[in-house]
PDB file of all heavy atoms in Angstrom:
ATOM      1  N   GLU A   1     -67.240 112.266 114.356  1.00  0.00           N
ATOM      2  CA  GLU A   1     -66.190 111.909 115.308  1.00  0.00           C
ATOM      3  C   GLU A   1     -64.899 111.659 114.532  1.00  0.00           C
ATOM      4  O   GLU A   1     -64.888 110.996 113.548  1.00  0.00           O
ATOM      5  CB  GLU A   1     -66.618 110.596 116.029  1.00  0.00           C
ATOM      6  CG  GLU A   1     -65.573 110.111 116.964  1.00  0.00           C
ATOM      7  CD  GLU A   1     -65.968 108.826 117.705  1.00  0.00           C
ATOM      8  OE1 GLU A   1     -67.148 108.806 118.069  1.00  0.00           O
ATOM      9  OE2 GLU A   1     -65.141 107.953 117.855  1.00  0.00           O
ATOM     10  N   VAL A   2     -63.801 112.312 114.988  1.00  0.00           N
ATOM     11  CA  VAL A   2     -62.511 112.319 114.240  1.00  0.00           C
ATOM     12  C   VAL A   2     -61.397 111.807 115.235  1.00  0.00           C
ATOM     13  O   VAL A   2     -61.361 112.147 116.374  1.00  0.00           O
ATOM     14  CB  VAL A   2     -62.135 113.724 113.763  1.00  0.00           C
ATOM     15  CG1 VAL A   2     -60.896 113.672 113.022  1.00  0.00           C
ATOM     16  CG2 VAL A   2     -63.266 114.294 112.925  1.00  0.00           C
ATOM     17  N   CYS A   3     -60.630 110.938 114.536  1.00  0.00           N
ATOM     18  CA  CYS A   3     -59.428 110.492 115.180  1.00  0.00           C
ATOM     19  C   CYS A   3     -58.198 110.759 114.190  1.00  0.00           C
ATOM     20  O   CYS A   3     -58.270 110.364 113.132  1.00  0.00           O
ATOM     21  CB  CYS A   3     -59.359 108.946 115.538  1.00  0.00           C
ATOM     22  SG  CYS A   3     -60.833 108.403 116.585  1.00  0.00           S
ATOM     23  N   THR A   4     -57.205 111.360 114.794  1.00  0.00           N
ATOM     24  CA  THR A   4     -56.031 111.696 113.965  1.00  0.00           C
ATOM     25  C   THR A   4     -54.845 111.330 114.621  1.00  0.00           C
ATOM     26  O   THR A   4     -54.547 111.632 115.827  1.00  0.00           O
ATOM     27  CB  THR A   4     -56.024 113.270 113.660  1.00  0.00           C
ATOM     28  OG1 THR A   4     -57.036 113.681 112.895  1.00  0.00           O
ATOM     29  CG2 THR A   4     -54.758 113.649 112.905  1.00  0.00           C
ATOM     30  N   HIS A   5     -53.981 110.521 113.964  1.00  0.00           N
ATOM     31  CA  HIS A   5     -52.739 110.031 114.518  1.00  0.00           C
ATOM     32  C   HIS A   5     -51.532 110.430 113.548  1.00  0.00           C
ATOM     33  O   HIS A   5     -51.665 110.444 112.418  1.00  0.00           O
ATOM     34  CB  HIS A   5     -52.785 108.459 114.652  1.00  0.00           C
ATOM     35  CG  HIS A   5     -53.822 108.009 115.659  1.00  0.00           C
ATOM     36  ND1 HIS A   5     -54.421 106.852 115.520  1.00  0.00           N
ATOM     37  CD2 HIS A   5     -54.229 108.601 116.784  1.00  0.00           C
ATOM     38  CE1 HIS A   5     -55.274 106.672 116.621  1.00  0.00           C
ATOM     39  NE2 HIS A   5     -55.078 107.772 117.355  1.00  0.00           N
ATOM     40  N   LEU A   6     -50.424 110.675 114.263  1.00  0.00           N
ATOM     41  CA  LEU A   6     -49.195 111.138 113.637  1.00  0.00           C
ATOM     42  C   LEU A   6     -48.100 110.219 113.931  1.00  0.00           C
ATOM     43  O   LEU A   6     -47.915 109.610 114.959  1.00  0.00           O
ATOM     44  CB  LEU A   6     -48.827 112.592 114.029  1.00  0.00           C
ATOM     45  CG  LEU A   6     -49.801 113.674 113.976  1.00  0.00           C
ATOM     46  CD1 LEU A   6     -49.327 114.903 114.666  1.00  0.00           C
ATOM     47  CD2 LEU A   6     -50.326 113.865 112.567  1.00  0.00           C
ATOM     48  N   ARG A   7     -47.122 110.147 113.004  1.00  0.00           N
ATOM     49  CA  ARG A   7     -45.788 109.506 113.298  1.00  0.00           C
ATOM     50  C   ARG A   7     -44.742 110.494 112.813  1.00  0.00           C
ATOM     51  O   ARG A   7     -44.791 111.017 111.718  1.00  0.00           O
ATOM     52  CB  ARG A   7     -45.619 108.181 112.513  1.00  0.00           C
ATOM     53  CG  ARG A   7     -44.308 107.472 112.878  1.00  0.00           C
ATOM     54  CD  ARG A   7     -44.292 106.057 112.288  1.00  0.00           C
ATOM     55  NE  ARG A   7     -44.055 106.074 110.919  1.00  0.00           N
ATOM     56  CZ  ARG A   7     -44.962 105.483 110.064  1.00  0.00           C
ATOM     57  NH1 ARG A   7     -46.129 104.947 110.599  1.00  0.00           N
ATOM     58  NH2 ARG A   7     -44.853 105.531 108.786  1.00  0.00           N
ATOM     59  N   LEU A   8     -43.773 110.822 113.822  1.00  0.00           N
ATOM     60  CA  LEU A   8     -42.837 111.826 113.513  1.00  0.00           C
ATOM     61  C   LEU A   8     -41.591 111.280 112.904  1.00  0.00           C
ATOM     62  O   LEU A   8     -41.381 110.050 112.847  1.00  0.00           O
ATOM     63  CB  LEU A   8     -42.478 112.571 114.832  1.00  0.00           C
ATOM     64  CG  LEU A   8     -43.713 113.109 115.667  1.00  0.00           C
ATOM     65  CD1 LEU A   8     -43.164 113.930 116.837  1.00  0.00           C
ATOM     66  CD2 LEU A   8     -44.500 114.084 114.741  1.00  0.00           C
ATOM     67  N   THR A   9     -40.733 112.216 112.410  1.00  0.00           N
ATOM     68  CA  THR A   9     -39.488 111.693 111.699  1.00  0.00           C
ATOM     69  C   THR A   9     -38.462 111.153 112.781  1.00  0.00           C
ATOM     70  O   THR A   9     -37.507 110.538 112.309  1.00  0.00           O
ATOM     71  CB  THR A   9     -39.000 112.924 110.942  1.00  0.00           C
ATOM     72  OG1 THR A   9     -38.664 113.999 111.821  1.00  0.00           O
ATOM     73  CG2 THR A   9     -39.852 113.318 109.805  1.00  0.00           C
ATOM     74  N   SER A  10     -38.649 111.525 113.950  1.00  0.00           N
ATOM     75  CA  SER A  10     -37.757 110.952 114.937  1.00  0.00           C
ATOM     76  C   SER A  10     -38.425 110.387 116.115  1.00  0.00           C
ATOM     77  O   SER A  10     -39.596 110.582 116.214  1.00  0.00           O
ATOM     78  CB  SER A  10     -36.726 112.077 115.482  1.00  0.00           C
ATOM     79  OG  SER A  10     -37.481 112.944 116.353  1.00  0.00           O
ATOM     80  N   ALA A  11     -37.770 109.727 117.061  1.00  0.00           N
ATOM     81  CA  ALA A  11     -38.385 109.119 118.178  1.00  0.00           C
ATOM     82  C   ALA A  11     -37.799 109.583 119.455  1.00  0.00           C
ATOM     83  O   ALA A  11     -37.753 108.948 120.455  1.00  0.00           O
ATOM     84  CB  ALA A  11     -38.296 107.539 118.136  1.00  0.00           C
ATOM     85  N   HIS A  12     -37.390 110.876 119.411  1.00  0.00           N
ATOM     86  CA  HIS A  12     -36.695 111.522 120.579  1.00  0.00           C
ATOM     87  C   HIS A  12     -37.632 111.473 121.821  1.00  0.00           C
ATOM     88  O   HIS A  12     -37.135 111.412 122.977  1.00  0.00           O
ATOM     89  CB  HIS A  12     -36.223 112.968 120.308  1.00  0.00           C
ATOM     90  CG  HIS A  12     -35.136 112.953 119.196  1.00  0.00           C
ATOM     91  ND1 HIS A  12     -34.082 112.077 119.178  1.00  0.00           N
ATOM     92  CD2 HIS A  12     -35.014 113.814 118.120  1.00  0.00           C
ATOM     93  CE1 HIS A  12     -33.318 112.406 118.269  1.00  0.00           C
ATOM     94  NE2 HIS A  12     -33.909 113.374 117.462  1.00  0.00           N
ATOM     95  N   GLU A  13     -38.927 111.752 121.530  1.00  0.00           N
ATOM     96  CA  GLU A  13     -39.845 111.843 122.629  1.00  0.00           C
ATOM     97  C   GLU A  13     -40.008 110.510 123.459  1.00  0.00           C
ATOM     98  O   GLU A  13     -40.249 110.473 124.646  1.00  0.00           O
ATOM     99  CB  GLU A  13     -41.172 112.360 122.241  1.00  0.00           C
ATOM    100  CG  GLU A  13     -42.051 111.382 121.316  1.00  0.00           C
ATOM    101  CD  GLU A  13     -41.630 111.487 119.852  1.00  0.00           C
ATOM    102  OE1 GLU A  13     -40.472 111.942 119.567  1.00  0.00           O
ATOM    103  OE2 GLU A  13     -42.400 110.987 119.053  1.00  0.00           O
ATOM    104  N   TYR A  14     -39.886 109.444 122.685  1.00  0.00           N
ATOM    105  CA  TYR A  14     -39.919 108.066 123.285  1.00  0.00           C
ATOM    106  C   TYR A  14     -38.575 107.735 123.989  1.00  0.00           C
ATOM    107  O   TYR A  14     -38.526 107.147 125.060  1.00  0.00           O
ATOM    108  CB  TYR A  14     -40.349 107.081 122.297  1.00  0.00           C
ATOM    109  CG  TYR A  14     -41.696 107.060 121.813  1.00  0.00           C
ATOM    110  CD1 TYR A  14     -42.065 107.755 120.677  1.00  0.00           C
ATOM    111  CD2 TYR A  14     -42.693 106.481 122.606  1.00  0.00           C
ATOM    112  CE1 TYR A  14     -43.426 107.834 120.237  1.00  0.00           C
ATOM    113  CE2 TYR A  14     -44.085 106.562 122.121  1.00  0.00           C
ATOM    114  CZ  TYR A  14     -44.401 107.262 121.041  1.00  0.00           C
ATOM    115  OH  TYR A  14     -45.740 107.295 120.614  1.00  0.00           O
ATOM    116  N   LEU A  15     -37.446 107.895 123.290  1.00  0.00           N
ATOM    117  CA  LEU A  15     -36.194 107.416 123.739  1.00  0.00           C
ATOM    118  C   LEU A  15     -35.452 108.399 124.723  1.00  0.00           C
ATOM    119  O   LEU A  15     -34.773 107.877 125.637  1.00  0.00           O
ATOM    120  CB  LEU A  15     -35.250 107.254 122.454  1.00  0.00           C
ATOM    121  CG  LEU A  15     -35.800 106.305 121.347  1.00  0.00           C
ATOM    122  CD1 LEU A  15     -34.854 106.227 120.254  1.00  0.00           C
ATOM    123  CD2 LEU A  15     -35.969 104.933 122.017  1.00  0.00           C
ATOM    124  N   GLU A  16     -35.664 109.650 124.535  1.00  0.00           N
ATOM    125  CA  GLU A  16     -34.967 110.635 125.368  1.00  0.00           C
ATOM    126  C   GLU A  16     -35.802 111.546 126.194  1.00  0.00           C
ATOM    127  O   GLU A  16     -35.286 112.256 127.149  1.00  0.00           O
ATOM    128  CB  GLU A  16     -34.092 111.486 124.530  1.00  0.00           C
ATOM    129  CG  GLU A  16     -33.083 110.620 123.600  1.00  0.00           C
ATOM    130  CD  GLU A  16     -32.508 111.425 122.441  1.00  0.00           C
ATOM    131  OE1 GLU A  16     -32.688 112.713 122.586  1.00  0.00           O
ATOM    132  OE2 GLU A  16     -31.978 110.921 121.590  1.00  0.00           O
ATOM    133  N   GLY A  17     -37.128 111.490 126.028  1.00  0.00           N
ATOM    134  CA  GLY A  17     -38.044 112.309 126.729  1.00  0.00           C
ATOM    135  C   GLY A  17     -37.960 113.751 126.231  1.00  0.00           C
ATOM    136  O   GLY A  17     -38.330 114.836 126.846  1.00  0.00           O
ATOM    137  N   ASN A  18     -37.368 113.921 124.925  1.00  0.00           N
ATOM    138  CA  ASN A  18     -37.290 115.274 124.367  1.00  0.00           C
ATOM    139  C   ASN A  18     -38.603 115.524 123.494  1.00  0.00           C
ATOM    140  O   ASN A  18     -38.815 114.931 122.551  1.00  0.00           O
ATOM    141  CB  ASN A  18     -36.049 115.195 123.491  1.00  0.00           C
ATOM    142  CG  ASN A  18     -35.813 116.582 122.800  1.00  0.00           C
ATOM    143  OD1 ASN A  18     -36.689 117.468 122.695  1.00  0.00           O
ATOM    144  ND2 ASN A  18     -34.583 116.838 122.313  1.00  0.00           N
ATOM    145  N   ASN A  19     -39.316 116.518 123.974  1.00  0.00           N
ATOM    146  CA  ASN A  19     -40.559 116.750 123.317  1.00  0.00           C
ATOM    147  C   ASN A  19     -40.619 117.879 122.337  1.00  0.00           C
ATOM    148  O   ASN A  19     -41.694 118.366 121.938  1.00  0.00           O
ATOM    149  CB  ASN A  19     -41.706 117.138 124.478  1.00  0.00           C
ATOM    150  CG  ASN A  19     -41.929 115.965 125.419  1.00  0.00           C
ATOM    151  OD1 ASN A  19     -41.884 114.812 125.038  1.00  0.00           O
ATOM    152  ND2 ASN A  19     -42.219 116.298 126.637  1.00  0.00           N
ATOM    153  N   SER A  20     -39.450 118.300 121.887  1.00  0.00           N
ATOM    154  CA  SER A  20     -39.374 119.491 121.063  1.00  0.00           C
ATOM    155  C   SER A  20     -39.951 119.335 119.688  1.00  0.00           C
ATOM    156  O   SER A  20     -40.374 120.359 119.069  1.00  0.00           O
ATOM    157  CB  SER A  20     -37.834 119.868 120.779  1.00  0.00           C
ATOM    158  OG  SER A  20     -37.179 118.745 120.228  1.00  0.00           O
ATOM    159  N   PHE A  21     -40.239 118.126 119.228  1.00  0.00           N
ATOM    160  CA  PHE A  21     -40.888 117.904 117.934  1.00  0.00           C
ATOM    161  C   PHE A  21     -42.391 117.549 118.068  1.00  0.00           C
ATOM    162  O   PHE A  21     -43.089 117.433 117.148  1.00  0.00           O
ATOM    163  CB  PHE A  21     -40.194 116.798 117.180  1.00  0.00           C
ATOM    164  CG  PHE A  21     -39.036 117.103 116.427  1.00  0.00           C
ATOM    165  CD1 PHE A  21     -38.480 118.437 116.618  1.00  0.00           C
ATOM    166  CD2 PHE A  21     -38.407 116.237 115.492  1.00  0.00           C
ATOM    167  CE1 PHE A  21     -37.377 118.864 115.849  1.00  0.00           C
ATOM    168  CE2 PHE A  21     -37.292 116.647 114.739  1.00  0.00           C
ATOM    169  CZ  PHE A  21     -36.755 117.930 114.952  1.00  0.00           C
ATOM    170  N   VAL A  22     -42.888 117.340 119.389  1.00  0.00           N
ATOM    171  CA  VAL A  22     -44.106 116.774 119.643  1.00  0.00           C
ATOM    172  C   VAL A  22     -45.198 117.859 119.501  1.00  0.00           C
ATOM    173  O   VAL A  22     -45.095 118.921 120.079  1.00  0.00           O
ATOM    174  CB  VAL A  22     -44.189 116.231 121.028  1.00  0.00           C
ATOM    175  CG1 VAL A  22     -45.604 115.688 121.386  1.00  0.00           C
ATOM    176  CG2 VAL A  22     -43.343 114.999 121.177  1.00  0.00           C
ATOM    177  N   ILE A  23     -46.212 117.583 118.617  1.00  0.00           N
ATOM    178  CA  ILE A  23     -47.330 118.498 118.524  1.00  0.00           C
ATOM    179  C   ILE A  23     -48.350 117.992 119.493  1.00  0.00           C
ATOM    180  O   ILE A  23     -48.806 116.879 119.490  1.00  0.00           O
ATOM    181  CB  ILE A  23     -47.968 118.420 117.077  1.00  0.00           C
ATOM    182  CG1 ILE A  23     -46.832 118.652 116.049  1.00  0.00           C
ATOM    183  CG2 ILE A  23     -49.068 119.236 116.879  1.00  0.00           C
ATOM    184  CD1 ILE A  23     -47.185 118.202 114.640  1.00  0.00           C
ATOM    185  N   PRO A  24     -48.671 118.840 120.536  1.00  0.00           N
ATOM    186  CA  PRO A  24     -49.586 118.394 121.565  1.00  0.00           C
ATOM    187  C   PRO A  24     -50.962 117.929 120.957  1.00  0.00           C
ATOM    188  O   PRO A  24     -51.471 118.394 119.995  1.00  0.00           O
ATOM    189  CB  PRO A  24     -49.758 119.652 122.366  1.00  0.00           C
ATOM    190  CG  PRO A  24     -48.621 120.501 122.097  1.00  0.00           C
ATOM    191  CD  PRO A  24     -48.193 120.196 120.732  1.00  0.00           C
ATOM    192  N   THR A  25     -51.491 116.942 121.638  1.00  0.00           N
ATOM    193  CA  THR A  25     -52.815 116.449 121.123  1.00  0.00           C
ATOM    194  C   THR A  25     -53.907 117.424 121.224  1.00  0.00           C
ATOM    195  O   THR A  25     -54.881 117.335 120.452  1.00  0.00           O
ATOM    196  CB  THR A  25     -53.159 115.106 121.880  1.00  0.00           C
ATOM    197  OG1 THR A  25     -53.292 115.336 123.261  1.00  0.00           O
ATOM    198  CG2 THR A  25     -52.155 114.009 121.698  1.00  0.00           C
ATOM    199  N   ASP A  26     -53.697 118.386 122.139  1.00  0.00           N
ATOM    200  CA  ASP A  26     -54.684 119.413 122.241  1.00  0.00           C
ATOM    201  C   ASP A  26     -54.658 120.334 120.988  1.00  0.00           C
ATOM    202  O   ASP A  26     -55.698 120.771 120.517  1.00  0.00           O
ATOM    203  CB  ASP A  26     -54.514 120.227 123.429  1.00  0.00           C
ATOM    204  CG  ASP A  26     -55.514 121.326 123.740  1.00  0.00           C
ATOM    205  OD1 ASP A  26     -56.761 120.958 123.894  1.00  0.00           O
ATOM    206  OD2 ASP A  26     -55.243 122.467 123.526  1.00  0.00           O
ATOM    207  N   THR A  27     -53.447 120.484 120.455  1.00  0.00           N
ATOM    208  CA  THR A  27     -53.209 121.232 119.165  1.00  0.00           C
ATOM    209  C   THR A  27     -53.810 120.498 118.054  1.00  0.00           C
ATOM    210  O   THR A  27     -54.489 121.105 117.163  1.00  0.00           O
ATOM    211  CB  THR A  27     -51.759 121.525 118.941  1.00  0.00           C
ATOM    212  OG1 THR A  27     -51.123 122.190 120.116  1.00  0.00           O
ATOM    213  CG2 THR A  27     -51.508 122.233 117.691  1.00  0.00           C
ATOM    214  N   ILE A  28     -53.670 119.125 117.965  1.00  0.00           N
ATOM    215  CA  ILE A  28     -54.285 118.401 116.981  1.00  0.00           C
ATOM    216  C   ILE A  28     -55.805 118.582 117.013  1.00  0.00           C
ATOM    217  O   ILE A  28     -56.479 118.767 115.931  1.00  0.00           O
ATOM    218  CB  ILE A  28     -53.905 116.910 117.169  1.00  0.00           C
ATOM    219  CG1 ILE A  28     -52.412 116.710 116.999  1.00  0.00           C
ATOM    220  CG2 ILE A  28     -54.790 116.021 116.171  1.00  0.00           C
ATOM    221  CD1 ILE A  28     -51.992 115.294 117.315  1.00  0.00           C
ATOM    222  N   LYS A  29     -56.412 118.550 118.164  1.00  0.00           N
ATOM    223  CA  LYS A  29     -57.890 118.712 118.316  1.00  0.00           C
ATOM    224  C   LYS A  29     -58.255 120.085 117.711  1.00  0.00           C
ATOM    225  O   LYS A  29     -59.193 120.221 116.933  1.00  0.00           O
ATOM    226  CB  LYS A  29     -58.243 118.515 119.809  1.00  0.00           C
ATOM    227  CG  LYS A  29     -59.748 118.863 119.951  1.00  0.00           C
ATOM    228  CD  LYS A  29     -59.991 119.240 121.481  1.00  0.00           C
ATOM    229  CE  LYS A  29     -59.401 120.593 121.791  1.00  0.00           C
ATOM    230  NZ  LYS A  29     -59.885 121.056 123.162  1.00  0.00           N
ATOM    231  N   ASN A  30     -57.507 121.160 118.165  1.00  0.00           N
ATOM    232  CA  ASN A  30     -57.930 122.472 117.772  1.00  0.00           C
ATOM    233  C   ASN A  30     -57.781 122.696 116.174  1.00  0.00           C
ATOM    234  O   ASN A  30     -58.578 123.357 115.567  1.00  0.00           O
ATOM    235  CB  ASN A  30     -57.007 123.547 118.432  1.00  0.00           C
ATOM    236  CG  ASN A  30     -57.326 123.610 119.963  1.00  0.00           C
ATOM    237  OD1 ASN A  30     -58.518 123.232 120.362  1.00  0.00           O
ATOM    238  ND2 ASN A  30     -56.434 124.022 120.723  1.00  0.00           N
ATOM    239  N   ILE A  31     -56.722 122.014 115.678  1.00  0.00           N
ATOM    240  CA  ILE A  31     -56.528 122.089 114.129  1.00  0.00           C
ATOM    241  C   ILE A  31     -57.750 121.531 113.472  1.00  0.00           C
ATOM    242  O   ILE A  31     -58.317 122.058 112.446  1.00  0.00           O
ATOM    243  CB  ILE A  31     -55.323 121.365 113.757  1.00  0.00           C
ATOM    244  CG1 ILE A  31     -54.059 122.238 114.163  1.00  0.00           C
ATOM    245  CG2 ILE A  31     -55.243 121.142 112.249  1.00  0.00           C
ATOM    246  CD1 ILE A  31     -52.702 121.471 113.955  1.00  0.00           C
ATOM    247  N   VAL A  32     -58.263 120.375 113.964  1.00  0.00           N
ATOM    248  CA  VAL A  32     -59.410 119.727 113.375  1.00  0.00           C
ATOM    249  C   VAL A  32     -60.613 120.626 113.443  1.00  0.00           C
ATOM    250  O   VAL A  32     -61.373 120.852 112.449  1.00  0.00           O
ATOM    251  CB  VAL A  32     -59.705 118.451 114.055  1.00  0.00           C
ATOM    252  CG1 VAL A  32     -61.041 117.736 113.622  1.00  0.00           C
ATOM    253  CG2 VAL A  32     -58.527 117.372 113.763  1.00  0.00           C
ATOM    254  N   LEU A  33     -60.770 121.269 114.561  1.00  0.00           N
ATOM    255  CA  LEU A  33     -61.957 122.148 114.721  1.00  0.00           C
ATOM    256  C   LEU A  33     -61.830 123.415 113.824  1.00  0.00           C
ATOM    257  O   LEU A  33     -62.889 123.890 113.256  1.00  0.00           O
ATOM    258  CB  LEU A  33     -62.144 122.581 116.206  1.00  0.00           C
ATOM    259  CG  LEU A  33     -62.389 121.452 117.161  1.00  0.00           C
ATOM    260  CD1 LEU A  33     -62.464 121.970 118.601  1.00  0.00           C
ATOM    261  CD2 LEU A  33     -63.666 120.800 116.848  1.00  0.00           C
ATOM    262  N   VAL A  34     -60.611 123.995 113.761  1.00  0.00           N
ATOM    263  CA  VAL A  34     -60.383 125.182 112.960  1.00  0.00           C
ATOM    264  C   VAL A  34     -60.719 124.845 111.427  1.00  0.00           C
ATOM    265  O   VAL A  34     -61.287 125.523 110.590  1.00  0.00           O
ATOM    266  CB  VAL A  34     -59.007 125.723 113.104  1.00  0.00           C
ATOM    267  CG1 VAL A  34     -58.717 126.693 112.086  1.00  0.00           C
ATOM    268  CG2 VAL A  34     -58.945 126.319 114.527  1.00  0.00           C
ATOM    269  N   LEU A  35     -60.219 123.584 110.899  1.00  0.00           N
ATOM    270  CA  LEU A  35     -60.451 123.253 109.577  1.00  0.00           C
ATOM    271  C   LEU A  35     -61.967 123.019 109.368  1.00  0.00           C
ATOM    272  O   LEU A  35     -62.401 123.369 108.181  1.00  0.00           O
ATOM    273  CB  LEU A  35     -59.735 122.011 109.252  1.00  0.00           C
ATOM    274  CG  LEU A  35     -58.107 122.067 109.235  1.00  0.00           C
ATOM    275  CD1 LEU A  35     -57.529 120.685 108.989  1.00  0.00           C
ATOM    276  CD2 LEU A  35     -57.741 123.000 107.931  1.00  0.00           C
ATOM    277  N   ALA A  36     -62.597 122.523 110.254  1.00  0.00           N
ATOM    278  CA  ALA A  36     -64.103 122.342 110.141  1.00  0.00           C
ATOM    279  C   ALA A  36     -64.733 123.735 110.036  1.00  0.00           C
ATOM    280  O   ALA A  36     -65.688 123.886 109.239  1.00  0.00           O
ATOM    281  CB  ALA A  36     -64.613 121.689 111.302  1.00  0.00           C
ATOM    282  N   LYS A  37     -64.318 124.679 110.726  1.00  0.00           N
ATOM    283  CA  LYS A  37     -64.831 126.036 110.703  1.00  0.00           C
ATOM    284  C   LYS A  37     -64.524 126.763 109.379  1.00  0.00           C
ATOM    285  O   LYS A  37     -65.406 127.287 108.713  1.00  0.00           O
ATOM    286  CB  LYS A  37     -64.223 126.877 111.858  1.00  0.00           C
ATOM    287  CG  LYS A  37     -64.312 128.385 111.681  1.00  0.00           C
ATOM    288  CD  LYS A  37     -65.876 128.784 111.754  1.00  0.00           C
ATOM    289  CE  LYS A  37     -65.896 130.365 111.637  1.00  0.00           C
ATOM    290  NZ  LYS A  37     -67.374 130.822 111.458  1.00  0.00           N
ATOM    291  N   LYS A  38     -63.202 126.615 108.915  1.00  0.00           N
ATOM    292  CA  LYS A  38     -62.823 127.286 107.673  1.00  0.00           C
ATOM    293  C   LYS A  38     -63.314 126.704 106.445  1.00  0.00           C
ATOM    294  O   LYS A  38     -63.790 127.362 105.536  1.00  0.00           O
ATOM    295  CB  LYS A  38     -61.292 127.454 107.707  1.00  0.00           C
ATOM    296  CG  LYS A  38     -60.724 128.356 108.786  1.00  0.00           C
ATOM    297  CD  LYS A  38     -59.243 128.491 108.630  1.00  0.00           C
ATOM    298  CE  LYS A  38     -58.601 129.529 109.550  1.00  0.00           C
ATOM    299  NZ  LYS A  38     -57.135 129.639 109.397  1.00  0.00           N
ATOM    300  N   ASN A  39     -63.236 125.332 106.422  1.00  0.00           N
ATOM    301  CA  ASN A  39     -63.529 124.575 105.122  1.00  0.00           C
ATOM    302  C   ASN A  39     -64.869 124.001 105.145  1.00  0.00           C
ATOM    303  O   ASN A  39     -65.288 123.574 104.003  1.00  0.00           O
ATOM    304  CB  ASN A  39     -62.476 123.491 104.803  1.00  0.00           C
ATOM    305  CG  ASN A  39     -61.083 124.049 104.766  1.00  0.00           C
ATOM    306  OD1 ASN A  39     -60.850 125.254 104.641  1.00  0.00           O
ATOM    307  ND2 ASN A  39     -60.064 123.200 104.906  1.00  0.00           N
ATOM    308  N   GLY A  40     -65.542 123.792 106.290  1.00  0.00           N
ATOM    309  CA  GLY A  40     -66.719 123.039 106.321  1.00  0.00           C
ATOM    310  C   GLY A  40     -66.427 121.606 106.160  1.00  0.00           C
ATOM    311  O   GLY A  40     -65.275 121.108 106.142  1.00  0.00           O
ATOM    312  N   ILE A  41     -67.443 120.774 105.867  1.00  0.00           N
ATOM    313  CA  ILE A  41     -67.287 119.355 105.675  1.00  0.00           C
ATOM    314  C   ILE A  41     -68.121 118.953 104.391  1.00  0.00           C
ATOM    315  O   ILE A  41     -69.254 118.480 104.542  1.00  0.00           O
ATOM    316  CB  ILE A  41     -67.723 118.497 106.887  1.00  0.00           C
ATOM    317  CG1 ILE A  41     -67.105 118.963 108.177  1.00  0.00           C
ATOM    318  CG2 ILE A  41     -67.473 116.992 106.699  1.00  0.00           C
ATOM    319  CD1 ILE A  41     -67.585 118.276 109.391  1.00  0.00           C
ATOM    320  N   PRO A  42     -67.527 119.314 103.191  1.00  0.00           N
ATOM    321  CA  PRO A  42     -68.246 119.050 101.994  1.00  0.00           C
ATOM    322  C   PRO A  42     -68.627 117.468 101.872  1.00  0.00           C
ATOM    323  O   PRO A  42     -69.680 117.121 101.414  1.00  0.00           O
ATOM    324  CB  PRO A  42     -67.313 119.486 100.955  1.00  0.00           C
ATOM    325  CG  PRO A  42     -65.970 119.633 101.564  1.00  0.00           C
ATOM    326  CD  PRO A  42     -66.206 119.909 102.983  1.00  0.00           C
TER     327      PRO A  42
END
C-alpha cells in the first residue's frame, strides 16, 4: 500500500484556483504502478 504526497513550488491552486502546476492524483497513482512494473520492488 503506497501513499505519495507532493508540495509544489507555488500555491496558485489554493490561492487562485489555477491548476496549471497540479499533477493529478490519478497521474500520481499511475506513476507508482508504472514504476512497480518497470523496476519491480527489490
